PDB file of N, CA and C in Angstrom:
ATOM      1  N   UNK A   1     -20.154  14.327  43.024  1.00  0.00           N
ATOM      2  CA  UNK A   1     -19.527  15.325  42.181  1.00  0.00           C
ATOM      3  C   UNK A   1     -18.078  14.745  41.569  1.00  0.00           C
ATOM      4  N   UNK A   2     -17.412  14.083  42.549  1.00  0.00           N
ATOM      5  CA  UNK A   2     -15.972  13.797  42.276  1.00  0.00           C
ATOM      6  C   UNK A   2     -16.036  12.562  41.343  1.00  0.00           C
ATOM      7  N   UNK A   3     -17.216  11.764  41.294  1.00  0.00           N
ATOM      8  CA  UNK A   3     -17.130  10.703  40.355  1.00  0.00           C
ATOM      9  C   UNK A   3     -17.355  11.085  39.169  1.00  0.00           C
ATOM     10  N   UNK A   4     -18.461  12.326  39.025  1.00  0.00           N
ATOM     11  CA  UNK A   4     -18.499  13.031  37.530  1.00  0.00           C
ATOM     12  C   UNK A   4     -17.698  13.362  36.906  1.00  0.00           C
ATOM     13  N   UNK A   5     -16.718  14.186  37.818  1.00  0.00           N
ATOM     14  CA  UNK A   5     -15.365  14.751  37.122  1.00  0.00           C
ATOM     15  C   UNK A   5     -14.480  13.511  36.734  1.00  0.00           C
ATOM     16  N   UNK A   6     -14.279  12.297  37.583  1.00  0.00           N
ATOM     17  CA  UNK A   6     -13.498  11.061  37.239  1.00  0.00           C
ATOM     18  C   UNK A   6     -13.983  10.527  35.783  1.00  0.00           C
ATOM     19  N   UNK A   7     -15.136  10.500  35.776  1.00  0.00           N
ATOM     20  CA  UNK A   7     -15.834   9.900  34.382  1.00  0.00           C
ATOM     21  C   UNK A   7     -15.459  10.645  33.198  1.00  0.00           C
ATOM     22  N   UNK A   8     -15.677  12.027  33.530  1.00  0.00           N
ATOM     23  CA  UNK A   8     -15.349  13.049  32.260  1.00  0.00           C
ATOM     24  C   UNK A   8     -13.764  12.934  32.050  1.00  0.00           C
ATOM     25  N   UNK A   9     -12.988  13.091  32.879  1.00  0.00           N
ATOM     26  CA  UNK A   9     -11.532  12.861  32.650  1.00  0.00           C
ATOM     27  C   UNK A   9     -11.193  11.564  32.028  1.00  0.00           C
ATOM     28  N   UNK A  10     -11.747  10.524  32.464  1.00  0.00           N
ATOM     29  CA  UNK A  10     -11.621   9.279  31.968  1.00  0.00           C
ATOM     30  C   UNK A  10     -11.944   9.232  30.622  1.00  0.00           C
ATOM     31  N   UNK A  11     -13.087   9.771  29.944  1.00  0.00           N
ATOM     32  CA  UNK A  11     -13.336   9.422  28.904  1.00  0.00           C
ATOM     33  C   UNK A  11     -12.407  10.706  28.098  1.00  0.00           C
ATOM     34  N   UNK A  12     -11.970  11.712  28.518  1.00  0.00           N
ATOM     35  CA  UNK A  12     -11.160  12.358  27.688  1.00  0.00           C
ATOM     36  C   UNK A  12     -10.077  11.975  27.459  1.00  0.00           C
ATOM     37  N   UNK A  13      -9.428  10.953  28.322  1.00  0.00           N
ATOM     38  CA  UNK A  13      -8.107  10.654  28.201  1.00  0.00           C
ATOM     39  C   UNK A  13      -8.285   9.282  27.062  1.00  0.00           C
ATOM     40  N   UNK A  14      -9.426   8.574  27.372  1.00  0.00           N
ATOM     41  CA  UNK A  14      -9.605   7.464  26.062  1.00  0.00           C
ATOM     42  C   UNK A  14      -9.662   8.294  24.788  1.00  0.00           C
ATOM     43  N   UNK A  15     -10.325   9.210  24.522  1.00  0.00           N
ATOM     44  CA  UNK A  15     -10.611   9.750  23.392  1.00  0.00           C
ATOM     45  C   UNK A  15      -9.526  10.490  22.780  1.00  0.00           C
ATOM     46  N   UNK A  16      -8.599  11.004  23.769  1.00  0.00           N
ATOM     47  CA  UNK A  16      -7.117  11.421  23.359  1.00  0.00           C
ATOM     48  C   UNK A  16      -6.415  10.575  22.911  1.00  0.00           C
ATOM     49  N   UNK A  17      -6.430   9.361  23.342  1.00  0.00           N
ATOM     50  CA  UNK A  17      -5.319   8.031  23.139  1.00  0.00           C
ATOM     51  C   UNK A  17      -5.639   7.434  22.078  1.00  0.00           C
ATOM     52  N   UNK A  18      -7.037   7.452  21.615  1.00  0.00           N
ATOM     53  CA  UNK A  18      -7.642   6.841  20.563  1.00  0.00           C
ATOM     54  C   UNK A  18      -7.496   7.621  19.356  1.00  0.00           C
ATOM     55  N   UNK A  19      -7.405   9.119  19.339  1.00  0.00           N
ATOM     56  CA  UNK A  19      -7.097   9.880  18.519  1.00  0.00           C
ATOM     57  C   UNK A  19      -5.669  10.150  17.949  1.00  0.00           C
ATOM     58  N   UNK A  20      -5.021  10.264  19.092  1.00  0.00           N
ATOM     59  CA  UNK A  20      -3.294  10.663  18.954  1.00  0.00           C
ATOM     60  C   UNK A  20      -2.547   9.461  18.781  1.00  0.00           C
ATOM     61  N   UNK A  21      -2.881   8.088  19.191  1.00  0.00           N
ATOM     62  CA  UNK A  21      -2.037   6.881  18.662  1.00  0.00           C
ATOM     63  C   UNK A  21      -2.622   6.303  17.453  1.00  0.00           C
ATOM     64  N   UNK A  22      -1.468   6.555  16.390  1.00  0.00           N
ATOM     65  CA  UNK A  22      -1.471   5.944  15.239  1.00  0.00           C
ATOM     66  C   UNK A  22      -0.103   5.653  14.789  1.00  0.00           C
ATOM     67  N   UNK A  23       0.320   4.342  14.404  1.00  0.00           N
ATOM     68  CA  UNK A  23       1.760   4.262  14.069  1.00  0.00           C
ATOM     69  C   UNK A  23       1.917   4.595  12.996  1.00  0.00           C
ATOM     70  N   UNK A  24       3.280   5.129  12.454  1.00  0.00           N
ATOM     71  CA  UNK A  24       3.552   5.285  11.289  1.00  0.00           C
ATOM     72  C   UNK A  24       3.490   4.406  10.086  1.00  0.00           C
ATOM     73  N   UNK A  25       3.260   4.633   8.979  1.00  0.00           N
ATOM     74  CA  UNK A  25       3.475   3.577   7.710  1.00  0.00           C
ATOM     75  C   UNK A  25       3.102   4.285   6.420  1.00  0.00           C
ATOM     76  N   UNK A  26       2.861   3.491   5.617  1.00  0.00           N
ATOM     77  CA  UNK A  26       2.381   3.737   4.383  1.00  0.00           C
ATOM     78  C   UNK A  26       1.466   3.156   3.762  1.00  0.00           C
ATOM     79  N   UNK A  27       0.391   3.635   3.382  1.00  0.00           N
ATOM     80  CA  UNK A  27      -0.977   3.169   2.746  1.00  0.00           C
ATOM     81  C   UNK A  27      -0.675   3.039   1.436  1.00  0.00           C
ATOM     82  N   UNK A  28      -0.583   1.404   0.936  1.00  0.00           N
ATOM     83  CA  UNK A  28      -0.230   1.501  -0.596  1.00  0.00           C
ATOM     84  C   UNK A  28      -1.551   1.026  -1.098  1.00  0.00           C
ATOM     85  N   UNK A  29      -1.945   1.624  -1.941  1.00  0.00           N
ATOM     86  CA  UNK A  29      -2.919   1.081  -3.225  1.00  0.00           C
ATOM     87  C   UNK A  29      -2.426   0.531  -4.541  1.00  0.00           C
ATOM     88  N   UNK A  30      -2.701  -0.658  -4.939  1.00  0.00           N
ATOM     89  CA  UNK A  30      -2.209  -1.016  -6.456  1.00  0.00           C
ATOM     90  C   UNK A  30      -3.765  -1.012  -7.187  1.00  0.00           C
ATOM     91  N   UNK A  31      -3.540  -0.148  -8.354  1.00  0.00           N
ATOM     92  CA  UNK A  31      -4.768  -0.156  -8.993  1.00  0.00           C
ATOM     93  C   UNK A  31      -4.585  -0.797 -10.317  1.00  0.00           C
ATOM     94  N   UNK A  32      -5.568  -1.648 -10.867  1.00  0.00           N
ATOM     95  CA  UNK A  32      -5.066  -1.770 -12.362  1.00  0.00           C
ATOM     96  C   UNK A  32      -6.114  -1.240 -13.315  1.00  0.00           C
ATOM     97  N   UNK A  33      -5.157  -0.602 -13.960  1.00  0.00           N
ATOM     98  CA  UNK A  33      -6.027   0.179 -15.348  1.00  0.00           C
ATOM     99  C   UNK A  33      -5.785  -0.307 -16.602  1.00  0.00           C
ATOM    100  N   UNK A  34      -5.291  -1.877 -16.694  1.00  0.00           N
ATOM    101  CA  UNK A  34      -4.938  -2.488 -17.588  1.00  0.00           C
ATOM    102  C   UNK A  34      -6.267  -3.019 -18.352  1.00  0.00           C
ATOM    103  N   UNK A  35      -6.184  -3.606 -19.413  1.00  0.00           N
ATOM    104  CA  UNK A  35      -7.331  -4.415 -19.991  1.00  0.00           C
ATOM    105  C   UNK A  35      -7.503  -5.755 -19.646  1.00  0.00           C
ATOM    106  N   UNK A  36      -6.658  -6.342 -18.928  1.00  0.00           N
ATOM    107  CA  UNK A  36      -6.726  -7.581 -18.550  1.00  0.00           C
ATOM    108  C   UNK A  36      -6.245  -7.506 -17.216  1.00  0.00           C
ATOM    109  N   UNK A  37      -6.881  -8.668 -16.265  1.00  0.00           N
ATOM    110  CA  UNK A  37      -6.312  -8.957 -14.889  1.00  0.00           C
ATOM    111  C   UNK A  37      -4.917  -9.230 -14.764  1.00  0.00           C
ATOM    112  N   UNK A  38      -4.354  -9.008 -13.641  1.00  0.00           N
ATOM    113  CA  UNK A  38      -2.994  -9.325 -13.292  1.00  0.00           C
ATOM    114  C   UNK A  38      -3.104 -10.325 -12.301  1.00  0.00           C
ATOM    115  N   UNK A  39      -2.425 -11.526 -12.386  1.00  0.00           N
ATOM    116  CA  UNK A  39      -2.133 -12.356 -11.499  1.00  0.00           C
ATOM    117  C   UNK A  39      -1.039 -12.588 -10.502  1.00  0.00           C
ATOM    118  N   UNK A  40      -0.953 -13.258  -9.422  1.00  0.00           N
ATOM    119  CA  UNK A  40       0.077 -13.544  -8.410  1.00  0.00           C
ATOM    120  C   UNK A  40       0.829 -12.403  -8.419  1.00  0.00           C
ATOM    121  N   UNK A  41       0.295 -11.102  -8.042  1.00  0.00           N
ATOM    122  CA  UNK A  41       1.052 -10.055  -7.778  1.00  0.00           C
ATOM    123  C   UNK A  41       1.865 -10.113  -6.329  1.00  0.00           C
ATOM    124  N   UNK A  42       3.162  -9.463  -6.620  1.00  0.00           N
ATOM    125  CA  UNK A  42       3.921  -9.498  -5.308  1.00  0.00           C
ATOM    126  C   UNK A  42       4.438  -8.089  -5.259  1.00  0.00           C
ATOM    127  N   UNK A  43       4.593  -7.476  -4.278  1.00  0.00           N
ATOM    128  CA  UNK A  43       4.775  -5.869  -3.757  1.00  0.00           C
ATOM    129  C   UNK A  43       6.192  -6.398  -2.996  1.00  0.00           C
ATOM    130  N   UNK A  44       7.292  -6.095  -3.163  1.00  0.00           N
ATOM    131  CA  UNK A  44       8.372  -6.178  -2.190  1.00  0.00           C
ATOM    132  C   UNK A  44       8.660  -4.784  -1.709  1.00  0.00           C
ATOM    133  N   UNK A  45       8.862  -4.667  -0.383  1.00  0.00           N
ATOM    134  CA  UNK A  45       9.467  -3.452   0.204  1.00  0.00           C
ATOM    135  C   UNK A  45      10.453  -3.708   1.315  1.00  0.00           C
ATOM    136  N   UNK A  46      11.511  -3.000   1.661  1.00  0.00           N
ATOM    137  CA  UNK A  46      12.670  -3.051   2.556  1.00  0.00           C
ATOM    138  C   UNK A  46      11.957  -4.006   3.761  1.00  0.00           C
ATOM    139  N   UNK A  47      12.459  -5.185   4.038  1.00  0.00           N
ATOM    140  CA  UNK A  47      11.900  -5.956   5.284  1.00  0.00           C
ATOM    141  C   UNK A  47      10.807  -6.825   5.059  1.00  0.00           C
ATOM    142  N   UNK A  48      10.062  -6.627   3.765  1.00  0.00           N
ATOM    143  CA  UNK A  48       8.975  -7.613   3.998  1.00  0.00           C
ATOM    144  C   UNK A  48       8.350  -7.717   2.367  1.00  0.00           C
ATOM    145  N   UNK A  49       7.364  -8.007   2.321  1.00  0.00           N
ATOM    146  CA  UNK A  49       6.686  -8.365   1.027  1.00  0.00           C
ATOM    147  C   UNK A  49       4.928  -8.646   1.211  1.00  0.00           C
ATOM    148  N   UNK A  50       4.329  -8.278   0.171  1.00  0.00           N
ATOM    149  CA  UNK A  50       2.824  -8.800   0.332  1.00  0.00           C
ATOM    150  C   UNK A  50       2.435  -9.137  -0.902  1.00  0.00           C
ATOM    151  N   UNK A  51       1.142  -9.588  -1.182  1.00  0.00           N
ATOM    152  CA  UNK A  51       0.712 -10.031  -2.442  1.00  0.00           C
ATOM    153  C   UNK A  51      -0.725 -10.324  -2.601  1.00  0.00           C
ATOM    154  N   UNK A  52      -1.326 -10.513  -3.739  1.00  0.00           N
ATOM    155  CA  UNK A  52      -2.678 -10.702  -4.235  1.00  0.00           C
ATOM    156  C   UNK A  52      -2.781 -11.627  -5.289  1.00  0.00           C
ATOM    157  N   UNK A  53      -3.849 -12.584  -5.102  1.00  0.00           N
ATOM    158  CA  UNK A  53      -3.862 -13.517  -6.175  1.00  0.00           C
ATOM    159  C   UNK A  53      -4.142 -13.001  -7.423  1.00  0.00           C
ATOM    160  N   UNK A  54      -5.234 -11.934  -7.606  1.00  0.00           N
ATOM    161  CA  UNK A  54      -5.451 -11.390  -8.898  1.00  0.00           C
ATOM    162  C   UNK A  54      -6.102  -9.919  -8.547  1.00  0.00           C
ATOM    163  N   UNK A  55      -6.005  -9.176  -9.540  1.00  0.00           N
ATOM    164  CA  UNK A  55      -6.664  -7.546  -9.350  1.00  0.00           C
ATOM    165  C   UNK A  55      -7.353  -7.494 -11.063  1.00  0.00           C
ATOM    166  N   UNK A  56      -8.792  -7.549 -10.838  1.00  0.00           N
ATOM    167  CA  UNK A  56      -9.167  -7.527 -11.811  1.00  0.00           C
ATOM    168  C   UNK A  56      -9.154  -6.042 -12.687  1.00  0.00           C
ATOM    169  N   UNK A  57      -9.290  -5.813 -13.969  1.00  0.00           N
ATOM    170  CA  UNK A  57      -9.186  -4.563 -14.437  1.00  0.00           C
ATOM    171  C   UNK A  57     -10.325  -3.617 -13.853  1.00  0.00           C
ATOM    172  N   UNK A  58      -9.630  -2.172 -13.506  1.00  0.00           N
ATOM    173  CA  UNK A  58     -10.684  -1.312 -12.909  1.00  0.00           C
ATOM    174  C   UNK A  58     -10.566  -1.766 -11.506  1.00  0.00           C
ATOM    175  N   UNK A  59     -10.069  -2.664 -10.685  1.00  0.00           N
ATOM    176  CA  UNK A  59     -10.136  -3.047  -9.362  1.00  0.00           C
ATOM    177  C   UNK A  59      -8.839  -2.309  -8.844  1.00  0.00           C
ATOM    178  N   UNK A  60      -8.978  -2.392  -7.316  1.00  0.00           N
ATOM    179  CA  UNK A  60      -7.810  -1.827  -6.655  1.00  0.00           C
ATOM    180  C   UNK A  60      -7.499  -2.989  -5.462  1.00  0.00           C
ATOM    181  N   UNK A  61      -6.177  -2.814  -4.905  1.00  0.00           N
ATOM    182  CA  UNK A  61      -6.039  -3.832  -3.526  1.00  0.00           C
ATOM    183  C   UNK A  61      -4.953  -2.657  -2.870  1.00  0.00           C
ATOM    184  N   UNK A  62      -5.476  -2.671  -1.525  1.00  0.00           N
ATOM    185  CA  UNK A  62      -4.605  -1.724  -0.459  1.00  0.00           C
ATOM    186  C   UNK A  62      -4.106  -2.567   0.556  1.00  0.00           C
ATOM    187  N   UNK A  63      -2.869  -2.178   1.085  1.00  0.00           N
ATOM    188  CA  UNK A  63      -2.428  -2.569   2.164  1.00  0.00           C
ATOM    189  C   UNK A  63      -1.304  -1.649   3.094  1.00  0.00           C
ATOM    190  N   UNK A  64      -1.356  -1.558   4.232  1.00  0.00           N
ATOM    191  CA  UNK A  64      -0.373  -0.828   5.112  1.00  0.00           C
ATOM    192  C   UNK A  64       0.987  -1.572   5.283  1.00  0.00           C
ATOM    193  N   UNK A  65       2.175  -0.791   4.810  1.00  0.00           N
ATOM    194  CA  UNK A  65       3.475  -1.250   5.156  1.00  0.00           C
ATOM    195  C   UNK A  65       4.000  -0.325   5.946  1.00  0.00           C
ATOM    196  N   UNK A  66       5.224  -0.976   6.685  1.00  0.00           N
ATOM    197  CA  UNK A  66       6.039  -0.093   7.716  1.00  0.00           C
ATOM    198  C   UNK A  66       7.378  -0.602   7.200  1.00  0.00           C
ATOM    199  N   UNK A  67       8.074   0.246   6.457  1.00  0.00           N
ATOM    200  CA  UNK A  67       9.427  -0.080   5.835  1.00  0.00           C
ATOM    201  C   UNK A  67      10.459  -0.067   7.081  1.00  0.00           C
ATOM    202  N   UNK A  68      11.188  -1.056   7.193  1.00  0.00           N
ATOM    203  CA  UNK A  68      11.953  -1.257   8.371  1.00  0.00           C
ATOM    204  C   UNK A  68      13.595  -0.565   7.823  1.00  0.00           C
ATOM    205  N   UNK A  69      13.974  -0.408   6.511  1.00  0.00           N
ATOM    206  CA  UNK A  69      14.999   0.217   6.233  1.00  0.00           C
ATOM    207  C   UNK A  69      14.754   1.009   4.810  1.00  0.00           C
ATOM    208  N   UNK A  70      15.797   1.540   4.571  1.00  0.00           N
ATOM    209  CA  UNK A  70      15.697   2.315   3.320  1.00  0.00           C
ATOM    210  C   UNK A  70      16.057   1.441   2.055  1.00  0.00           C
ATOM    211  N   UNK A  71      15.103   1.569   1.047  1.00  0.00           N
ATOM    212  CA  UNK A  71      15.323   0.725  -0.087  1.00  0.00           C
ATOM    213  C   UNK A  71      14.303   1.009  -1.531  1.00  0.00           C
ATOM    214  N   UNK A  72      14.346   0.507  -2.433  1.00  0.00           N
ATOM    215  CA  UNK A  72      13.339   0.718  -3.284  1.00  0.00           C
ATOM    216  C   UNK A  72      11.989  -0.467  -3.355  1.00  0.00           C
ATOM    217  N   UNK A  73      11.170   0.042  -3.734  1.00  0.00           N
ATOM    218  CA  UNK A  73       9.952  -1.156  -3.869  1.00  0.00           C
ATOM    219  C   UNK A  73      10.127  -1.810  -5.255  1.00  0.00           C
ATOM    220  N   UNK A  74       9.376  -2.820  -5.154  1.00  0.00           N
ATOM    221  CA  UNK A  74       9.344  -3.629  -6.420  1.00  0.00           C
ATOM    222  C   UNK A  74       8.190  -4.047  -6.707  1.00  0.00           C
ATOM    223  N   UNK A  75       7.323  -4.345  -7.931  1.00  0.00           N
ATOM    224  CA  UNK A  75       6.027  -4.780  -8.316  1.00  0.00           C
ATOM    225  C   UNK A  75       6.567  -5.564  -9.195  1.00  0.00           C
ATOM    226  N   UNK A  76       5.917  -7.131  -8.996  1.00  0.00           N
ATOM    227  CA  UNK A  76       5.722  -7.984 -10.080  1.00  0.00           C
ATOM    228  C   UNK A  76       4.607  -8.722 -10.176  1.00  0.00           C
ATOM    229  N   UNK A  77       4.104  -9.470 -11.299  1.00  0.00           N
ATOM    230  CA  UNK A  77       2.970 -10.033 -11.618  1.00  0.00           C
ATOM    231  C   UNK A  77       3.133 -11.032 -12.721  1.00  0.00           C
ATOM    232  N   UNK A  78       2.517 -11.789 -12.804  1.00  0.00           N
ATOM    233  CA  UNK A  78       2.256 -12.817 -14.057  1.00  0.00           C
ATOM    234  C   UNK A  78       0.972 -12.033 -15.045  1.00  0.00           C
ATOM    235  N   UNK A  79       2.008 -11.891 -16.117  1.00  0.00           N
ATOM    236  CA  UNK A  79       0.914 -11.456 -17.260  1.00  0.00           C
ATOM    237  C   UNK A  79       0.238 -12.735 -17.790  1.00  0.00           C
ATOM    238  N   UNK A  80      -0.849 -12.356 -19.047  1.00  0.00           N
ATOM    239  CA  UNK A  80      -1.579 -13.360 -19.507  1.00  0.00           C
ATOM    240  C   UNK A  80      -0.756 -14.477 -20.448  1.00  0.00           C
ATOM    241  N   UNK A  81       0.303 -13.886 -20.751  1.00  0.00           N
ATOM    242  CA  UNK A  81       1.277 -14.977 -21.519  1.00  0.00           C
ATOM    243  C   UNK A  81       2.162 -15.654 -20.867  1.00  0.00           C
ATOM    244  N   UNK A  82       1.932 -15.576 -19.174  1.00  0.00           N
ATOM    245  CA  UNK A  82       2.741 -16.327 -18.454  1.00  0.00           C
ATOM    246  C   UNK A  82       4.091 -15.915 -18.078  1.00  0.00           C
ATOM    247  N   UNK A  83       4.372 -14.708 -18.583  1.00  0.00           N
ATOM    248  CA  UNK A  83       5.704 -14.210 -18.355  1.00  0.00           C
ATOM    249  C   UNK A  83       5.567 -13.423 -17.167  1.00  0.00           C
ATOM    250  N   UNK A  84       6.608 -13.100 -16.281  1.00  0.00           N
ATOM    251  CA  UNK A  84       6.551 -12.404 -15.494  1.00  0.00           C
ATOM    252  C   UNK A  84       6.977 -10.588 -15.550  1.00  0.00           C
ATOM    253  N   UNK A  85       6.164 -10.086 -15.374  1.00  0.00           N
ATOM    254  CA  UNK A  85       6.539  -8.553 -15.159  1.00  0.00           C
ATOM    255  C   UNK A  85       6.989  -7.878 -14.230  1.00  0.00           C
ATOM    256  N   UNK A  86       8.087  -7.196 -13.930  1.00  0.00           N
ATOM    257  CA  UNK A  86       8.741  -6.522 -13.009  1.00  0.00           C
ATOM    258  C   UNK A  86       9.128  -5.344 -13.400  1.00  0.00           C
ATOM    259  N   UNK A  87       8.896  -4.302 -12.140  1.00  0.00           N
ATOM    260  CA  UNK A  87       9.220  -2.832 -12.325  1.00  0.00           C
ATOM    261  C   UNK A  87       9.614  -2.450 -10.749  1.00  0.00           C
ATOM    262  N   UNK A  88      10.859  -1.794 -10.621  1.00  0.00           N
ATOM    263  CA  UNK A  88      11.277  -0.840  -9.616  1.00  0.00           C
ATOM    264  C   UNK A  88      10.455   0.231  -9.170  1.00  0.00           C
ATOM    265  N   UNK A  89      10.294   0.634  -8.215  1.00  0.00           N
ATOM    266  CA  UNK A  89       9.575   1.904  -7.983  1.00  0.00           C
ATOM    267  C   UNK A  89      10.272   2.831  -7.114  1.00  0.00           C
ATOM    268  N   UNK A  90       9.604   3.660  -6.462  1.00  0.00           N
ATOM    269  CA  UNK A  90      10.347   4.763  -5.533  1.00  0.00           C
ATOM    270  C   UNK A  90      10.913   4.149  -4.263  1.00  0.00           C
ATOM    271  N   UNK A  91      11.887   4.770  -3.565  1.00  0.00           N
ATOM    272  CA  UNK A  91      12.522   4.455  -2.471  1.00  0.00           C
ATOM    273  C   UNK A  91      12.007   4.629  -1.357  1.00  0.00           C
ATOM    274  N   UNK A  92      11.602   3.631  -0.388  1.00  0.00           N
ATOM    275  CA  UNK A  92      10.886   4.051   1.132  1.00  0.00           C
ATOM    276  C   UNK A  92      11.722   4.278   2.287  1.00  0.00           C
ATOM    277  N   UNK A  93      11.378   4.776   3.005  1.00  0.00           N
ATOM    278  CA  UNK A  93      12.380   4.842   4.326  1.00  0.00           C
ATOM    279  C   UNK A  93      12.007   4.444   5.828  1.00  0.00           C
ATOM    280  N   UNK A  94      12.554   4.099   6.635  1.00  0.00           N
ATOM    281  CA  UNK A  94      12.194   3.701   7.930  1.00  0.00           C
ATOM    282  C   UNK A  94      11.227   4.985   8.421  1.00  0.00           C
ATOM    283  N   UNK A  95      10.432   4.476   9.345  1.00  0.00           N
ATOM    284  CA  UNK A  95       9.537   5.711   9.837  1.00  0.00           C
ATOM    285  C   UNK A  95       8.607   6.430   8.809  1.00  0.00           C
ATOM    286  N   UNK A  96       8.895   6.125   7.492  1.00  0.00           N
ATOM    287  CA  UNK A  96       7.996   6.810   6.533  1.00  0.00           C
ATOM    288  C   UNK A  96       6.472   6.947   6.773  1.00  0.00           C
ATOM    289  N   UNK A  97       5.859   8.042   6.411  1.00  0.00           N
ATOM    290  CA  UNK A  97       4.258   8.121   6.665  1.00  0.00           C
ATOM    291  C   UNK A  97       3.811   8.866   5.645  1.00  0.00           C
ATOM    292  N   UNK A  98       2.601   8.146   4.918  1.00  0.00           N
ATOM    293  CA  UNK A  98       1.922   8.935   3.800  1.00  0.00           C
ATOM    294  C   UNK A  98       1.221   7.748   3.163  1.00  0.00           C
ATOM    295  N   UNK A  99       1.261   8.065   1.689  1.00  0.00           N
ATOM    296  CA  UNK A  99       0.635   6.944   0.902  1.00  0.00           C
ATOM    297  C   UNK A  99       1.487   6.910  -0.369  1.00  0.00           C
ATOM    298  N   UNK A 100       1.188   5.435  -0.883  1.00  0.00           N
ATOM    299  CA  UNK A 100       1.634   5.527  -2.464  1.00  0.00           C
ATOM    300  C   UNK A 100       0.574   4.840  -3.070  1.00  0.00           C
ATOM    301  N   UNK A 101       0.244   5.420  -4.191  1.00  0.00           N
ATOM    302  CA  UNK A 101      -0.909   4.821  -5.208  1.00  0.00           C
ATOM    303  C   UNK A 101      -0.361   4.123  -6.515  1.00  0.00           C
ATOM    304  N   UNK A 102      -0.046   2.990  -6.727  1.00  0.00           N
ATOM    305  CA  UNK A 102       0.695   2.440  -7.505  1.00  0.00           C
ATOM    306  C   UNK A 102      -0.421   2.032  -8.763  1.00  0.00           C
ATOM    307  N   UNK A 103      -0.353   2.688 -10.019  1.00  0.00           N
ATOM    308  CA  UNK A 103      -1.337   2.504 -10.925  1.00  0.00           C
ATOM    309  C   UNK A 103      -0.628   1.656 -12.313  1.00  0.00           C
ATOM    310  N   UNK A 104      -1.470   0.262 -12.224  1.00  0.00           N
ATOM    311  CA  UNK A 104      -0.637  -0.241 -13.231  1.00  0.00           C
ATOM    312  C   UNK A 104      -1.585  -0.379 -14.454  1.00  0.00           C
ATOM    313  N   UNK A 105      -0.728   0.014 -15.652  1.00  0.00           N
ATOM    314  CA  UNK A 105      -1.644   0.347 -16.935  1.00  0.00           C
ATOM    315  C   UNK A 105      -0.881  -0.276 -18.062  1.00  0.00           C
ATOM    316  N   UNK A 106      -1.460  -0.262 -19.299  1.00  0.00           N
ATOM    317  CA  UNK A 106      -0.842  -0.729 -20.521  1.00  0.00           C
ATOM    318  C   UNK A 106      -0.899   0.163 -21.534  1.00  0.00           C
ATOM    319  N   UNK A 107      -0.007   0.204 -22.576  1.00  0.00           N
ATOM    320  CA  UNK A 107      -0.035   1.260 -23.495  1.00  0.00           C
ATOM    321  C   UNK A 107      -0.701   0.609 -24.843  1.00  0.00           C
ATOM    322  N   UNK A 108      -0.607   1.466 -25.891  1.00  0.00           N
ATOM    323  CA  UNK A 108      -1.401   0.959 -27.046  1.00  0.00           C
ATOM    324  C   UNK A 108      -1.085  -0.428 -27.342  1.00  0.00           C
ATOM    325  N   UNK A 109       0.070  -0.603 -27.026  1.00  0.00           N
ATOM    326  CA  UNK A 109       0.706  -2.098 -27.864  1.00  0.00           C
ATOM    327  C   UNK A 109       0.435  -3.045 -26.560  1.00  0.00           C
ATOM    328  N   UNK A 110      -0.136  -2.917 -25.554  1.00  0.00           N
ATOM    329  CA  UNK A 110      -0.721  -3.786 -24.513  1.00  0.00           C
ATOM    330  C   UNK A 110       0.721  -4.263 -23.589  1.00  0.00           C
ATOM    331  N   UNK A 111       1.943  -3.212 -23.578  1.00  0.00           N
ATOM    332  CA  UNK A 111       2.773  -3.433 -22.876  1.00  0.00           C
ATOM    333  C   UNK A 111       2.680  -2.743 -21.494  1.00  0.00           C
ATOM    334  N   UNK A 112       2.851  -3.127 -20.383  1.00  0.00           N
ATOM    335  CA  UNK A 112       2.849  -3.086 -19.132  1.00  0.00           C
ATOM    336  C   UNK A 112       3.719  -2.069 -18.467  1.00  0.00           C
ATOM    337  N   UNK A 113       3.417  -0.984 -17.794  1.00  0.00           N
ATOM    338  CA  UNK A 113       4.315  -0.176 -16.979  1.00  0.00           C
ATOM    339  C   UNK A 113       3.448   0.289 -15.624  1.00  0.00           C
ATOM    340  N   UNK A 114       4.230   0.580 -14.502  1.00  0.00           N
ATOM    341  CA  UNK A 114       3.671   1.224 -13.541  1.00  0.00           C
ATOM    342  C   UNK A 114       3.729   2.884 -13.581  1.00  0.00           C
ATOM    343  N   UNK A 115       2.881   3.273 -12.783  1.00  0.00           N
ATOM    344  CA  UNK A 115       3.195   4.694 -12.650  1.00  0.00           C
ATOM    345  C   UNK A 115       2.815   4.891 -11.010  1.00  0.00           C
ATOM    346  N   UNK A 116       3.746   6.033 -10.305  1.00  0.00           N
ATOM    347  CA  UNK A 116       3.332   6.063  -8.621  1.00  0.00           C
ATOM    348  C   UNK A 116       3.099   7.384  -8.633  1.00  0.00           C
ATOM    349  N   UNK A 117       2.118   7.520  -7.755  1.00  0.00           N
ATOM    350  CA  UNK A 117       1.712   8.997  -7.081  1.00  0.00           C
ATOM    351  C   UNK A 117       1.735   8.993  -5.589  1.00  0.00           C
ATOM    352  N   UNK A 118       2.544   9.833  -5.152  1.00  0.00           N
ATOM    353  CA  UNK A 118       2.726  10.066  -3.783  1.00  0.00           C
ATOM    354  C   UNK A 118       1.921  10.656  -3.105  1.00  0.00           C
TER     355      UNK A 118
END
């Protein structure tokens, strides 16, 4: 009987620790809603950066960040004409928890812009 109680207690502790243990961070998804692929993408945030080689039209790229200090994010990528597009986004904070959806889109004149949903 004692070993059965020990096993049940062990499994309860393991289950509780795997459910309750999740580090704080921000899930970032960058979605390309433009008509062309974006290349050499770089996402900068306080304390670090990440990138992707290319994101095709209609495709997304996801990454989890853990901001170490307060500051703005910035997104840059190479356009089809070889010029670099850069735009700043919202401010992130240490220990922030949540998600950011960065939508990269083009207007009627094919000018790029980003829209952020939190």
